[in-house]
Amino acid sequence: QGQLVESGGGLVQAGGSLRLSCAVSGNIGSIIVMGWYRQAPAKQRELVAQITSGGSTNYADSVKGRFTVSRDNAKNTLYLQMNTLKPEDTAAYYCNAVVERLGGLSQYPYWGQGTQVTVSS
């Protein structure tokens, strides 16, 4: 059974940078899209950035120009480079992978355990 293992969170001052990593462990199947979500206390989980198997990317408006999502297929790892961090970026960040099931007739989401990012002002 495969899983997603995140790393790279921590405490950083406003204006600083962090890089999150998400390693795919084991065989989870054919990945359609991978992405990063975040959830702050008392708020809903929201999409931060996505990258498709073809390399197309999508970002939340709040992070455009500051965050970059990338994927190293050889290492089976997803990254999120976060620059010019703001206190409002403080949240638990979750890695997500959507994979094909039943020969493409359905999809299944995998989630990582989450990594905390705290940005101090």
PDB file of N, CA and C in Angstrom:
ATOM      1  N   GLN A   1       0.847  -1.189   0.000  1.00  0.00           N
ATOM      2  CA  GLN A   1       0.000   0.000   0.000  1.00  0.00           C
ATOM      3  C   GLN A   1       0.873   1.226   0.000  1.00  0.00           C
ATOM      4  N   GLY A   2       0.658   2.130  -0.937  1.00  0.00           N
ATOM      5  CA  GLY A   2       1.477   3.314  -1.020  1.00  0.00           C
ATOM      6  C   GLY A   2       1.021   4.398  -0.076  1.00  0.00           C
ATOM      7  N   GLN A   3       1.867   5.384   0.083  1.00  0.00           N
ATOM      8  CA  GLN A   3       1.513   6.527   0.911  1.00  0.00           C
ATOM      9  C   GLN A   3       2.329   7.739   0.490  1.00  0.00           C
ATOM     10  N   LEU A   4       1.904   8.894   0.997  1.00  0.00           N
ATOM     11  CA  LEU A   4       2.595  10.154   0.732  1.00  0.00           C
ATOM     12  C   LEU A   4       3.255  10.603   2.025  1.00  0.00           C
ATOM     13  N   VAL A   5       4.526  10.949   1.943  1.00  0.00           N
ATOM     14  CA  VAL A   5       5.282  11.344   3.133  1.00  0.00           C
ATOM     15  C   VAL A   5       5.824  12.746   2.926  1.00  0.00           C
ATOM     16  N   GLU A   6       5.347  13.682   3.748  1.00  0.00           N
ATOM     17  CA  GLU A   6       5.738  15.086   3.622  1.00  0.00           C
ATOM     18  C   GLU A   6       6.881  15.426   4.560  1.00  0.00           C
ATOM     19  N   SER A   7       7.624  16.465   4.176  1.00  0.00           N
ATOM     20  CA  SER A   7       8.668  17.009   5.039  1.00  0.00           C
ATOM     21  C   SER A   7       8.928  18.449   4.633  1.00  0.00           C
ATOM     22  N   GLY A   8       9.630  19.183   5.507  1.00  0.00           N
ATOM     23  CA  GLY A   8      10.074  20.524   5.149  1.00  0.00           C
ATOM     24  C   GLY A   8       9.364  21.670   5.828  1.00  0.00           C
ATOM     25  N   GLY A   9       8.348  21.396   6.626  1.00  0.00           N
ATOM     26  CA  GLY A   9       7.673  22.480   7.322  1.00  0.00           C
ATOM     27  C   GLY A   9       8.540  23.035   8.434  1.00  0.00           C
ATOM     28  N   GLY A  10       8.060  24.123   9.047  1.00  0.00           N
ATOM     29  CA  GLY A  10       8.798  24.705  10.150  1.00  0.00           C
ATOM     30  C   GLY A  10       8.360  26.119  10.447  1.00  0.00           C
ATOM     31  N   LEU A  11       9.188  26.792  11.238  1.00  0.00           N
ATOM     32  CA  LEU A  11       8.930  28.178  11.641  1.00  0.00           C
ATOM     33  C   LEU A  11       9.866  29.098  10.874  1.00  0.00           C
ATOM     34  N   VAL A  12       9.308  30.143  10.287  1.00  0.00           N
ATOM     35  CA  VAL A  12      10.114  31.079   9.508  1.00  0.00           C
ATOM     36  C   VAL A  12       9.572  32.480   9.708  1.00  0.00           C
ATOM     37  N   GLN A  13      10.431  33.485   9.592  1.00  0.00           N
ATOM     38  CA  GLN A  13       9.985  34.868   9.696  1.00  0.00           C
ATOM     39  C   GLN A  13       9.339  35.313   8.394  1.00  0.00           C
ATOM     40  N   ALA A  14       8.469  36.292   8.498  1.00  0.00           N
ATOM     41  CA  ALA A  14       7.837  36.861   7.308  1.00  0.00           C
ATOM     42  C   ALA A  14       8.916  37.322   6.327  1.00  0.00           C
ATOM     43  N   GLY A  15       8.676  37.021   5.047  1.00  0.00           N
ATOM     44  CA  GLY A  15       9.651  37.347   4.014  1.00  0.00           C
ATOM     45  C   GLY A  15      10.616  36.215   3.717  1.00  0.00           C
ATOM     46  N   GLY A  16      10.612  35.198   4.548  1.00  0.00           N
ATOM     47  CA  GLY A  16      11.518  34.066   4.372  1.00  0.00           C
ATOM     48  C   GLY A  16      10.977  33.034   3.404  1.00  0.00           C
ATOM     49  N   SER A  17      11.726  31.925   3.303  1.00  0.00           N
ATOM     50  CA  SER A  17      11.382  30.863   2.354  1.00  0.00           C
ATOM     51  C   SER A  17      11.427  29.503   3.024  1.00  0.00           C
ATOM     52  N   LEU A  18      10.625  28.593   2.482  1.00  0.00           N
ATOM     53  CA  LEU A  18      10.652  27.189   2.872  1.00  0.00           C
ATOM     54  C   LEU A  18      10.383  26.353   1.637  1.00  0.00           C
ATOM     55  N   ARG A  19      10.875  25.113   1.655  1.00  0.00           N
ATOM     56  CA  ARG A  19      10.542  24.174   0.595  1.00  0.00           C
ATOM     57  C   ARG A  19       9.954  22.915   1.212  1.00  0.00           C
ATOM     58  N   LEU A  20       8.756  22.574   0.792  1.00  0.00           N
ATOM     59  CA  LEU A  20       8.096  21.348   1.229  1.00  0.00           C
ATOM     60  C   LEU A  20       8.353  20.245   0.207  1.00  0.00           C
ATOM     61  N   SER A  21       8.478  19.029   0.716  1.00  0.00           N
ATOM     62  CA  SER A  21       8.645  17.862  -0.149  1.00  0.00           C
ATOM     63  C   SER A  21       7.583  16.834   0.182  1.00  0.00           C
ATOM     64  N   CYS A  22       7.189  16.081  -0.830  1.00  0.00           N
ATOM     65  CA  CYS A  22       6.212  15.009  -0.649  1.00  0.00           C
ATOM     66  C   CYS A  22       6.691  13.813  -1.465  1.00  0.00           C
ATOM     67  N   ALA A  23       7.142  12.792  -0.765  1.00  0.00           N
ATOM     68  CA  ALA A  23       7.654  11.599  -1.424  1.00  0.00           C
ATOM     69  C   ALA A  23       6.561  10.540  -1.522  1.00  0.00           C
ATOM     70  N   VAL A  24       6.435   9.972  -2.706  1.00  0.00           N
ATOM     71  CA  VAL A  24       5.489   8.871  -2.898  1.00  0.00           C
ATOM     72  C   VAL A  24       6.191   7.577  -2.509  1.00  0.00           C
ATOM     73  N   SER A  25       5.674   6.935  -1.488  1.00  0.00           N
ATOM     74  CA  SER A  25       6.263   5.688  -0.999  1.00  0.00           C
ATOM     75  C   SER A  25       5.399   4.511  -1.445  1.00  0.00           C
ATOM     76  N   GLY A  26       6.023   3.536  -2.078  1.00  0.00           N
ATOM     77  CA  GLY A  26       5.265   2.385  -2.550  1.00  0.00           C
ATOM     78  C   GLY A  26       4.547   2.690  -3.854  1.00  0.00           C
ATOM     79  N   ASN A  27       3.713   1.758  -4.249  1.00  0.00           N
ATOM     80  CA  ASN A  27       3.004   1.883  -5.519  1.00  0.00           C
ATOM     81  C   ASN A  27       1.573   2.358  -5.264  1.00  0.00           C
ATOM     82  N   ILE A  28       1.272   3.586  -5.711  1.00  0.00           N
ATOM     83  CA  ILE A  28      -0.085   4.107  -5.522  1.00  0.00           C
ATOM     84  C   ILE A  28      -0.853   4.117  -6.832  1.00  0.00           C
ATOM     85  N   GLY A  29      -0.210   3.714  -7.914  1.00  0.00           N
ATOM     86  CA  GLY A  29      -0.902   3.658  -9.183  1.00  0.00           C
ATOM     87  C   GLY A  29      -0.576   4.841 -10.066  1.00  0.00           C
ATOM     88  N   SER A  30      -1.363   4.993 -11.122  1.00  0.00           N
ATOM     89  CA  SER A  30      -1.137   6.037 -12.111  1.00  0.00           C
ATOM     90  C   SER A  30      -1.670   7.373 -11.605  1.00  0.00           C
ATOM     91  N   ILE A  31      -0.740   8.332 -11.428  1.00  0.00           N
ATOM     92  CA  ILE A  31      -1.112   9.622 -10.861  1.00  0.00           C
ATOM     93  C   ILE A  31      -1.636  10.557 -11.947  1.00  0.00           C
ATOM     94  N   ILE A  32      -2.790  11.142 -11.694  1.00  0.00           N
ATOM     95  CA  ILE A  32      -3.386  12.096 -12.631  1.00  0.00           C
ATOM     96  C   ILE A  32      -2.902  13.510 -12.311  1.00  0.00           C
ATOM     97  N   VAL A  33      -2.963  13.857 -11.033  1.00  0.00           N
ATOM     98  CA  VAL A  33      -2.565  15.186 -10.607  1.00  0.00           C
ATOM     99  C   VAL A  33      -2.074  15.110  -9.159  1.00  0.00           C
ATOM    100  N   MET A  34      -1.076  15.935  -8.849  1.00  0.00           N
ATOM    101  CA  MET A  34      -0.605  16.065  -7.475  1.00  0.00           C
ATOM    102  C   MET A  34      -0.696  17.521  -7.066  1.00  0.00           C
ATOM    103  N   GLY A  35      -0.853  17.746  -5.773  1.00  0.00           N
ATOM    104  CA  GLY A  35      -0.972  19.123  -5.340  1.00  0.00           C
ATOM    105  C   GLY A  35      -0.754  19.304  -3.860  1.00  0.00           C
ATOM    106  N   TRP A  36      -0.784  20.540  -3.463  1.00  0.00           N
ATOM    107  CA  TRP A  36      -0.654  20.937  -2.059  1.00  0.00           C
ATOM    108  C   TRP A  36      -1.916  21.686  -1.641  1.00  0.00           C
ATOM    109  N   TYR A  37      -2.421  21.319  -0.490  1.00  0.00           N
ATOM    110  CA  TYR A  37      -3.539  22.004   0.138  1.00  0.00           C
ATOM    111  C   TYR A  37      -3.067  22.504   1.497  1.00  0.00           C
ATOM    112  N   ARG A  38      -3.798  23.458   2.058  1.00  0.00           N
ATOM    113  CA  ARG A  38      -3.469  23.921   3.400  1.00  0.00           C
ATOM    114  C   ARG A  38      -4.739  24.172   4.184  1.00  0.00           C
ATOM    115  N   GLN A  39      -4.590  24.079   5.498  1.00  0.00           N
ATOM    116  CA  GLN A  39      -5.727  24.318   6.373  1.00  0.00           C
ATOM    117  C   GLN A  39      -5.251  25.053   7.605  1.00  0.00           C
ATOM    118  N   ALA A  40      -5.764  26.266   7.776  1.00  0.00           N
ATOM    119  CA  ALA A  40      -5.477  27.058   8.968  1.00  0.00           C
ATOM    120  C   ALA A  40      -6.546  26.754  10.016  1.00  0.00           C
ATOM    121  N   PRO A  41      -6.253  27.028  11.286  1.00  0.00           N
ATOM    122  CA  PRO A  41      -7.229  26.772  12.352  1.00  0.00           C
ATOM    123  C   PRO A  41      -8.562  27.446  12.079  1.00  0.00           C
ATOM    124  N   ALA A  42      -9.643  26.716  12.251  1.00  0.00           N
ATOM    125  CA  ALA A  42     -11.011  27.218  12.077  1.00  0.00           C
ATOM    126  C   ALA A  42     -11.329  27.601  10.640  1.00  0.00           C
ATOM    127  N   LYS A  43     -10.523  27.153   9.690  1.00  0.00           N
ATOM    128  CA  LYS A  43     -10.788  27.437   8.278  1.00  0.00           C
ATOM    129  C   LYS A  43     -10.870  26.134   7.497  1.00  0.00           C
ATOM    130  N   GLN A  44     -11.494  26.210   6.326  1.00  0.00           N
ATOM    131  CA  GLN A  44     -11.593  25.028   5.469  1.00  0.00           C
ATOM    132  C   GLN A  44     -10.271  24.774   4.756  1.00  0.00           C
ATOM    133  N   ARG A  45     -10.049  23.508   4.398  1.00  0.00           N
ATOM    134  CA  ARG A  45      -8.866  23.174   3.621  1.00  0.00           C
ATOM    135  C   ARG A  45      -9.006  23.800   2.225  1.00  0.00           C
ATOM    136  N   GLU A  46      -7.919  24.394   1.747  1.00  0.00           N
ATOM    137  CA  GLU A  46      -7.962  25.061   0.456  1.00  0.00           C
ATOM    138  C   GLU A  46      -6.800  24.614  -0.420  1.00  0.00           C
ATOM    139  N   LEU A  47      -7.043  24.652  -1.730  1.00  0.00           N
ATOM    140  CA  LEU A  47      -6.007  24.309  -2.683  1.00  0.00           C
ATOM    141  C   LEU A  47      -4.961  25.410  -2.733  1.00  0.00           C
ATOM    142  N   VAL A  48      -3.687  25.026  -2.708  1.00  0.00           N
ATOM    143  CA  VAL A  48      -2.594  25.979  -2.835  1.00  0.00           C
ATOM    144  C   VAL A  48      -2.018  25.926  -4.248  1.00  0.00           C
ATOM    145  N   ALA A  49      -1.670  24.723  -4.703  1.00  0.00           N
ATOM    146  CA  ALA A  49      -1.060  24.570  -6.024  1.00  0.00           C
ATOM    147  C   ALA A  49      -1.212  23.128  -6.484  1.00  0.00           C
ATOM    148  N   GLN A  50      -1.303  22.953  -7.807  1.00  0.00           N
ATOM    149  CA  GLN A  50      -1.426  21.632  -8.409  1.00  0.00           C
ATOM    150  C   GLN A  50      -0.522  21.522  -9.609  1.00  0.00           C
ATOM    151  N   ILE A  51      -0.133  20.270  -9.921  1.00  0.00           N
ATOM    152  CA  ILE A  51       0.602  20.000 -11.140  1.00  0.00           C
ATOM    153  C   ILE A  51       0.086  18.683 -11.714  1.00  0.00           C
ATOM    154  N   THR A  52      -0.250  18.697 -13.000  1.00  0.00           N
ATOM    155  CA  THR A  52      -0.790  17.502 -13.629  1.00  0.00           C
ATOM    156  C   THR A  52       0.340  16.585 -14.105  1.00  0.00           C
ATOM    157  N   SER A  53      -0.035  15.399 -14.531  1.00  0.00           N
ATOM    158  CA  SER A  53       0.961  14.469 -15.050  1.00  0.00           C
ATOM    159  C   SER A  53       1.640  15.036 -16.294  1.00  0.00           C
ATOM    160  N   GLY A  54       0.957  15.944 -16.988  1.00  0.00           N
ATOM    161  CA  GLY A  54       1.540  16.564 -18.172  1.00  0.00           C
ATOM    162  C   GLY A  54       2.376  17.801 -17.869  1.00  0.00           C
ATOM    163  N   GLY A  55       2.397  18.209 -16.591  1.00  0.00           N
ATOM    164  CA  GLY A  55       3.224  19.339 -16.195  1.00  0.00           C
ATOM    165  C   GLY A  55       2.500  20.673 -16.091  1.00  0.00           C
ATOM    166  N   SER A  56       1.209  20.695 -16.355  1.00  0.00           N
ATOM    167  CA  SER A  56       0.450  21.943 -16.207  1.00  0.00           C
ATOM    168  C   SER A  56       0.269  22.264 -14.731  1.00  0.00           C
ATOM    169  N   THR A  57       0.353  23.559 -14.414  1.00  0.00           N
ATOM    170  CA  THR A  57       0.248  23.984 -13.017  1.00  0.00           C
ATOM    171  C   THR A  57      -0.936  24.924 -12.815  1.00  0.00           C
ATOM    172  N   ASN A  58      -1.371  24.966 -11.562  1.00  0.00           N
ATOM    173  CA  ASN A  58      -2.492  25.818 -11.177  1.00  0.00           C
ATOM    174  C   ASN A  58      -2.217  26.301  -9.766  1.00  0.00           C
ATOM    175  N   TYR A  59      -2.441  27.602  -9.505  1.00  0.00           N
ATOM    176  CA  TYR A  59      -2.140  28.175  -8.195  1.00  0.00           C
ATOM    177  C   TYR A  59      -3.339  28.958  -7.655  1.00  0.00           C
ATOM    178  N   ALA A  60      -3.455  28.983  -6.350  1.00  0.00           N
ATOM    179  CA  ALA A  60      -4.395  29.882  -5.702  1.00  0.00           C
ATOM    180  C   ALA A  60      -3.920  31.316  -5.923  1.00  0.00           C
ATOM    181  N   ASP A  61      -4.863  32.227  -6.074  1.00  0.00           N
ATOM    182  CA  ASP A  61      -4.486  33.629  -6.330  1.00  0.00           C
ATOM    183  C   ASP A  61      -3.585  34.179  -5.223  1.00  0.00           C
ATOM    184  N   SER A  62      -3.798  33.732  -4.012  1.00  0.00           N
ATOM    185  CA  SER A  62      -3.062  34.277  -2.866  1.00  0.00           C
ATOM    186  C   SER A  62      -1.582  33.912  -2.869  1.00  0.00           C
ATOM    187  N   VAL A  63      -1.196  32.913  -3.668  1.00  0.00           N
ATOM    188  CA  VAL A  63       0.205  32.477  -3.666  1.00  0.00           C
ATOM    189  C   VAL A  63       0.889  32.679  -5.013  1.00  0.00           C
ATOM    190  N   LYS A  64       0.158  33.109  -6.013  1.00  0.00           N
ATOM    191  CA  LYS A  64       0.748  33.312  -7.343  1.00  0.00           C
ATOM    192  C   LYS A  64       1.913  34.290  -7.265  1.00  0.00           C
ATOM    193  N   GLY A  65       3.006  33.919  -7.908  1.00  0.00           N
ATOM    194  CA  GLY A  65       4.193  34.755  -7.913  1.00  0.00           C
ATOM    195  C   GLY A  65       5.099  34.530  -6.721  1.00  0.00           C
ATOM    196  N   ARG A  66       4.627  33.802  -5.709  1.00  0.00           N
ATOM    197  CA  ARG A  66       5.441  33.549  -4.513  1.00  0.00           C
ATOM    198  C   ARG A  66       5.770  32.064  -4.355  1.00  0.00           C
ATOM    199  N   PHE A  67       4.832  31.197  -4.722  1.00  0.00           N
ATOM    200  CA  PHE A  67       5.012  29.756  -4.556  1.00  0.00           C
ATOM    201  C   PHE A  67       5.211  29.094  -5.920  1.00  0.00           C
ATOM    202  N   THR A  68       5.997  28.032  -5.937  1.00  0.00           N
ATOM    203  CA  THR A  68       6.212  27.262  -7.160  1.00  0.00           C
ATOM    204  C   THR A  68       6.078  25.771  -6.854  1.00  0.00           C
ATOM    205  N   VAL A  69       5.205  25.094  -7.579  1.00  0.00           N
ATOM    206  CA  VAL A  69       5.036  23.650  -7.430  1.00  0.00           C
ATOM    207  C   VAL A  69       5.820  22.960  -8.544  1.00  0.00           C
ATOM    208  N   SER A  70       6.482  21.870  -8.181  1.00  0.00           N
ATOM    209  CA  SER A  70       7.241  21.110  -9.176  1.00  0.00           C
ATOM    210  C   SER A  70       7.244  19.637  -8.787  1.00  0.00           C
ATOM    211  N   ARG A  71       7.655  18.823  -9.744  1.00  0.00           N
ATOM    212  CA  ARG A  71       7.626  17.383  -9.504  1.00  0.00           C
ATOM    213  C   ARG A  71       8.847  16.755 -10.152  1.00  0.00           C
ATOM    214  N   ASP A  72       9.528  15.914  -9.410  1.00  0.00           N
ATOM    215  CA  ASP A  72      10.660  15.143  -9.926  1.00  0.00           C
ATOM    216  C   ASP A  72      10.172  13.710 -10.113  1.00  0.00           C
ATOM    217  N   ASN A  73       9.867  13.356 -11.349  1.00  0.00           N
ATOM    218  CA  ASN A  73       9.297  12.030 -11.616  1.00  0.00           C
ATOM    219  C   ASN A  73      10.301  10.916 -11.309  1.00  0.00           C
ATOM    220  N   ALA A  74      11.575  11.176 -11.529  1.00  0.00           N
ATOM    221  CA  ALA A  74      12.587  10.157 -11.268  1.00  0.00           C
ATOM    222  C   ALA A  74      12.650   9.815  -9.781  1.00  0.00           C
ATOM    223  N   LYS A  75      12.431  10.825  -8.934  1.00  0.00           N
ATOM    224  CA  LYS A  75      12.475  10.616  -7.484  1.00  0.00           C
ATOM    225  C   LYS A  75      11.081  10.395  -6.913  1.00  0.00           C
ATOM    226  N   ASN A  76      10.064  10.477  -7.764  1.00  0.00           N
ATOM    227  CA  ASN A  76       8.681  10.323  -7.313  1.00  0.00           C
ATOM    228  C   ASN A  76       8.366  11.270  -6.157  1.00  0.00           C
ATOM    229  N   THR A  77       8.759  12.522  -6.342  1.00  0.00           N
ATOM    230  CA  THR A  77       8.630  13.502  -5.270  1.00  0.00           C
ATOM    231  C   THR A  77       8.020  14.797  -5.796  1.00  0.00           C
ATOM    232  N   LEU A  78       7.134  15.357  -4.998  1.00  0.00           N
ATOM    233  CA  LEU A  78       6.496  16.637  -5.282  1.00  0.00           C
ATOM    234  C   LEU A  78       7.101  17.690  -4.373  1.00  0.00           C
ATOM    235  N   TYR A  79       7.278  18.901  -4.893  1.00  0.00           N
ATOM    236  CA  TYR A  79       7.858  19.989  -4.112  1.00  0.00           C
ATOM    237  C   TYR A  79       6.944  21.217  -4.127  1.00  0.00           C
ATOM    238  N   LEU A  80       7.090  22.022  -3.093  1.00  0.00           N
ATOM    239  CA  LEU A  80       6.457  23.336  -3.069  1.00  0.00           C
ATOM    240  C   LEU A  80       7.488  24.318  -2.536  1.00  0.00           C
ATOM    241  N   GLN A  81       8.007  25.156  -3.415  1.00  0.00           N
ATOM    242  CA  GLN A  81       8.937  26.209  -3.015  1.00  0.00           C
ATOM    243  C   GLN A  81       8.112  27.430  -2.638  1.00  0.00           C
ATOM    244  N   MET A  82       8.263  27.869  -1.402  1.00  0.00           N
ATOM    245  CA  MET A  82       7.485  28.996  -0.892  1.00  0.00           C
ATOM    246  C   MET A  82       8.417  30.150  -0.568  1.00  0.00           C
ATOM    247  N   ASN A  83       8.261  31.255  -1.278  1.00  0.00           N
ATOM    248  CA  ASN A  83       9.076  32.445  -1.065  1.00  0.00           C
ATOM    249  C   ASN A  83       8.207  33.598  -0.577  1.00  0.00           C
ATOM    250  N   THR A  84       8.854  34.593  -0.029  1.00  0.00           N
ATOM    251  CA  THR A  84       8.173  35.792   0.482  1.00  0.00           C
ATOM    252  C   THR A  84       6.974  35.394   1.335  1.00  0.00           C
ATOM    253  N   LEU A  85       7.226  34.543   2.288  1.00  0.00           N
ATOM    254  CA  LEU A  85       6.148  34.034   3.125  1.00  0.00           C
ATOM    255  C   LEU A  85       5.534  35.135   3.979  1.00  0.00           C
ATOM    256  N   LYS A  86       4.231  35.000   4.204  1.00  0.00           N
ATOM    257  CA  LYS A  86       3.464  35.962   4.990  1.00  0.00           C
ATOM    258  C   LYS A  86       2.825  35.253   6.185  1.00  0.00           C
ATOM    259  N   PRO A  87       2.515  35.961   7.245  1.00  0.00           N
ATOM    260  CA  PRO A  87       1.848  35.321   8.394  1.00  0.00           C
ATOM    261  C   PRO A  87       0.565  34.596   7.991  1.00  0.00           C
ATOM    262  N   GLU A  88      -0.136  35.107   7.014  1.00  0.00           N
ATOM    263  CA  GLU A  88      -1.384  34.459   6.576  1.00  0.00           C
ATOM    264  C   GLU A  88      -1.151  33.147   5.837  1.00  0.00           C
ATOM    265  N   ASP A  89       0.112  32.807   5.568  1.00  0.00           N
ATOM    266  CA  ASP A  89       0.434  31.500   4.984  1.00  0.00           C
ATOM    267  C   ASP A  89       0.522  30.423   6.057  1.00  0.00           C
ATOM    268  N   THR A  90       0.453  30.815   7.316  1.00  0.00           N
ATOM    269  CA  THR A  90       0.526  29.854   8.418  1.00  0.00           C
ATOM    270  C   THR A  90      -0.627  28.865   8.340  1.00  0.00           C
ATOM    271  N   ALA A  91      -0.291  27.576   8.301  1.00  0.00           N
ATOM    272  CA  ALA A  91      -1.302  26.522   8.169  1.00  0.00           C
ATOM    273  C   ALA A  91      -0.609  25.170   8.205  1.00  0.00           C
ATOM    274  N   ALA A  92      -1.422  24.125   8.302  1.00  0.00           N
ATOM    275  CA  ALA A  92      -0.931  22.774   8.053  1.00  0.00           C
ATOM    276  C   ALA A  92      -1.045  22.528   6.549  1.00  0.00           C
ATOM    277  N   TYR A  93       0.042  22.083   5.948  1.00  0.00           N
ATOM    278  CA  TYR A  93       0.079  21.848   4.504  1.00  0.00           C
ATOM    279  C   TYR A  93       0.013  20.342   4.236  1.00  0.00           C
ATOM    280  N   TYR A  94      -0.869  19.970   3.316  1.00  0.00           N
ATOM    281  CA  TYR A  94      -1.105  18.568   2.994  1.00  0.00           C
ATOM    282  C   TYR A  94      -0.799  18.288   1.528  1.00  0.00           C
ATOM    283  N   CYS A  95      -0.088  17.200   1.300  1.00  0.00           N
ATOM    284  CA  CYS A  95       0.172  16.727  -0.047  1.00  0.00           C
ATOM    285  C   CYS A  95      -0.999  15.857  -0.505  1.00  0.00           C
ATOM    286  N   ASN A  96      -1.334  15.963  -1.768  1.00  0.00           N
ATOM    287  CA  ASN A  96      -2.460  15.204  -2.327  1.00  0.00           C
ATOM    288  C   ASN A  96      -2.052  14.617  -3.670  1.00  0.00           C
ATOM    289  N   ALA A  97      -2.500  13.393  -3.918  1.00  0.00           N
ATOM    290  CA  ALA A  97      -2.301  12.762  -5.221  1.00  0.00           C
ATOM    291  C   ALA A  97      -3.603  12.085  -5.624  1.00  0.00           C
ATOM    292  N   VAL A  98      -4.066  12.371  -6.817  1.00  0.00           N
ATOM    293  CA  VAL A  98      -5.268  11.727  -7.351  1.00  0.00           C
ATOM    294  C   VAL A  98      -4.818  10.693  -8.377  1.00  0.00           C
ATOM    295  N   VAL A  99      -5.232   9.438  -8.165  1.00  0.00           N
ATOM    296  CA  VAL A  99      -4.786   8.351  -9.033  1.00  0.00           C
ATOM    297  C   VAL A  99      -5.971   7.698  -9.726  1.00  0.00           C
ATOM    298  N   GLU A 100      -5.660   7.043 -10.835  1.00  0.00           N
ATOM    299  CA  GLU A 100      -6.696   6.317 -11.577  1.00  0.00           C
ATOM    300  C   GLU A 100      -7.040   5.009 -10.892  1.00  0.00           C
ATOM    301  N   ARG A 101      -8.283   4.635 -10.961  1.00  0.00           N
ATOM    302  CA  ARG A 101      -8.731   3.326 -10.497  1.00  0.00           C
ATOM    303  C   ARG A 101      -9.641   2.731 -11.565  1.00  0.00           C
ATOM    304  N   LEU A 102      -9.733   1.404 -11.552  1.00  0.00           N
ATOM    305  CA  LEU A 102     -10.637   0.675 -12.452  1.00  0.00           C
ATOM    306  C   LEU A 102     -10.385   1.058 -13.915  1.00  0.00           C
ATOM    307  N   GLY A 103      -9.102   1.082 -14.285  1.00  0.00           N
ATOM    308  CA  GLY A 103      -8.763   1.361 -15.670  1.00  0.00           C
ATOM    309  C   GLY A 103      -9.142   2.753 -16.137  1.00  0.00           C
ATOM    310  N   GLY A 104      -9.210   3.697 -15.199  1.00  0.00           N
ATOM    311  CA  GLY A 104      -9.543   5.062 -15.559  1.00  0.00           C
ATOM    312  C   GLY A 104     -11.004   5.413 -15.378  1.00  0.00           C
ATOM    313  N   LEU A 105     -11.811   4.450 -14.931  1.00  0.00           N
ATOM    314  CA  LEU A 105     -13.240   4.719 -14.755  1.00  0.00           C
ATOM    315  C   LEU A 105     -13.522   5.504 -13.480  1.00  0.00           C
ATOM    316  N   SER A 106     -12.593   5.489 -12.538  1.00  0.00           N
ATOM    317  CA  SER A 106     -12.789   6.263 -11.310  1.00  0.00           C
ATOM    318  C   SER A 106     -11.443   6.795 -10.833  1.00  0.00           C
ATOM    319  N   GLN A 107     -11.514   7.648  -9.798  1.00  0.00           N
ATOM    320  CA  GLN A 107     -10.300   8.250  -9.250  1.00  0.00           C
ATOM    321  C   GLN A 107     -10.283   8.060  -7.737  1.00  0.00           C
ATOM    322  N   TYR A 108      -9.092   8.078  -7.184  1.00  0.00           N
ATOM    323  CA  TYR A 108      -8.947   7.915  -5.733  1.00  0.00           C
ATOM    324  C   TYR A 108      -7.914   8.911  -5.223  1.00  0.00           C
ATOM    325  N   PRO A 109      -8.243   9.609  -4.125  1.00  0.00           N
ATOM    326  CA  PRO A 109      -7.285  10.582  -3.588  1.00  0.00           C
ATOM    327  C   PRO A 109      -6.439  10.001  -2.451  1.00  0.00           C
ATOM    328  N   TYR A 110      -5.155  10.257  -2.514  1.00  0.00           N
ATOM    329  CA  TYR A 110      -4.259   9.968  -1.401  1.00  0.00           C
ATOM    330  C   TYR A 110      -3.906  11.285  -0.715  1.00  0.00           C
ATOM    331  N   TRP A 111      -3.737  11.226   0.599  1.00  0.00           N
ATOM    332  CA  TRP A 111      -3.350  12.404   1.373  1.00  0.00           C
ATOM    333  C   TRP A 111      -2.146  12.086   2.249  1.00  0.00           C
ATOM    334  N   GLY A 112      -1.271  13.061   2.384  1.00  0.00           N
ATOM    335  CA  GLY A 112      -0.193  12.950   3.338  1.00  0.00           C
ATOM    336  C   GLY A 112      -0.686  13.293   4.733  1.00  0.00           C
ATOM    337  N   GLN A 113       0.222  13.178   5.704  1.00  0.00           N
ATOM    338  CA  GLN A 113      -0.157  13.389   7.096  1.00  0.00           C
ATOM    339  C   GLN A 113      -0.172  14.860   7.475  1.00  0.00           C
ATOM    340  N   GLY A 114       0.390  15.699   6.645  1.00  0.00           N
ATOM    341  CA  GLY A 114       0.415  17.140   6.914  1.00  0.00           C
ATOM    342  C   GLY A 114       1.721  17.577   7.548  1.00  0.00           C
ATOM    343  N   THR A 115       2.137  18.780   7.210  1.00  0.00           N
ATOM    344  CA  THR A 115       3.322  19.387   7.818  1.00  0.00           C
ATOM    345  C   THR A 115       3.004  20.835   8.146  1.00  0.00           C
ATOM    346  N   GLN A 116       3.390  21.278   9.329  1.00  0.00           N
ATOM    347  CA  GLN A 116       3.027  22.612   9.804  1.00  0.00           C
ATOM    348  C   GLN A 116       4.001  23.667   9.292  1.00  0.00           C
ATOM    349  N   VAL A 117       3.440  24.741   8.781  1.00  0.00           N
ATOM    350  CA  VAL A 117       4.215  25.916   8.392  1.00  0.00           C
ATOM    351  C   VAL A 117       3.728  27.088   9.237  1.00  0.00           C
ATOM    352  N   THR A 118       4.637  27.717   9.949  1.00  0.00           N
ATOM    353  CA  THR A 118       4.300  28.861  10.785  1.00  0.00           C
ATOM    354  C   THR A 118       5.176  30.042  10.383  1.00  0.00           C
ATOM    355  N   VAL A 119       4.529  31.152  10.037  1.00  0.00           N
ATOM    356  CA  VAL A 119       5.246  32.350   9.611  1.00  0.00           C
ATOM    357  C   VAL A 119       5.019  33.424  10.652  1.00  0.00           C
ATOM    358  N   SER A 120       6.088  33.884  11.273  1.00  0.00           N
ATOM    359  CA  SER A 120       5.988  34.905  12.308  1.00  0.00           C
ATOM    360  C   SER A 120       6.152  36.299  11.701  1.00  0.00           C
ATOM    361  N   SER A 121       5.457  37.247  12.306  1.00  0.00           N
ATOM    362  CA  SER A 121       5.514  38.613  11.774  1.00  0.00           C
ATOM    363  C   SER A 121       6.649  39.403  12.389  1.00  0.00           C
TER     364      SER A 121
END
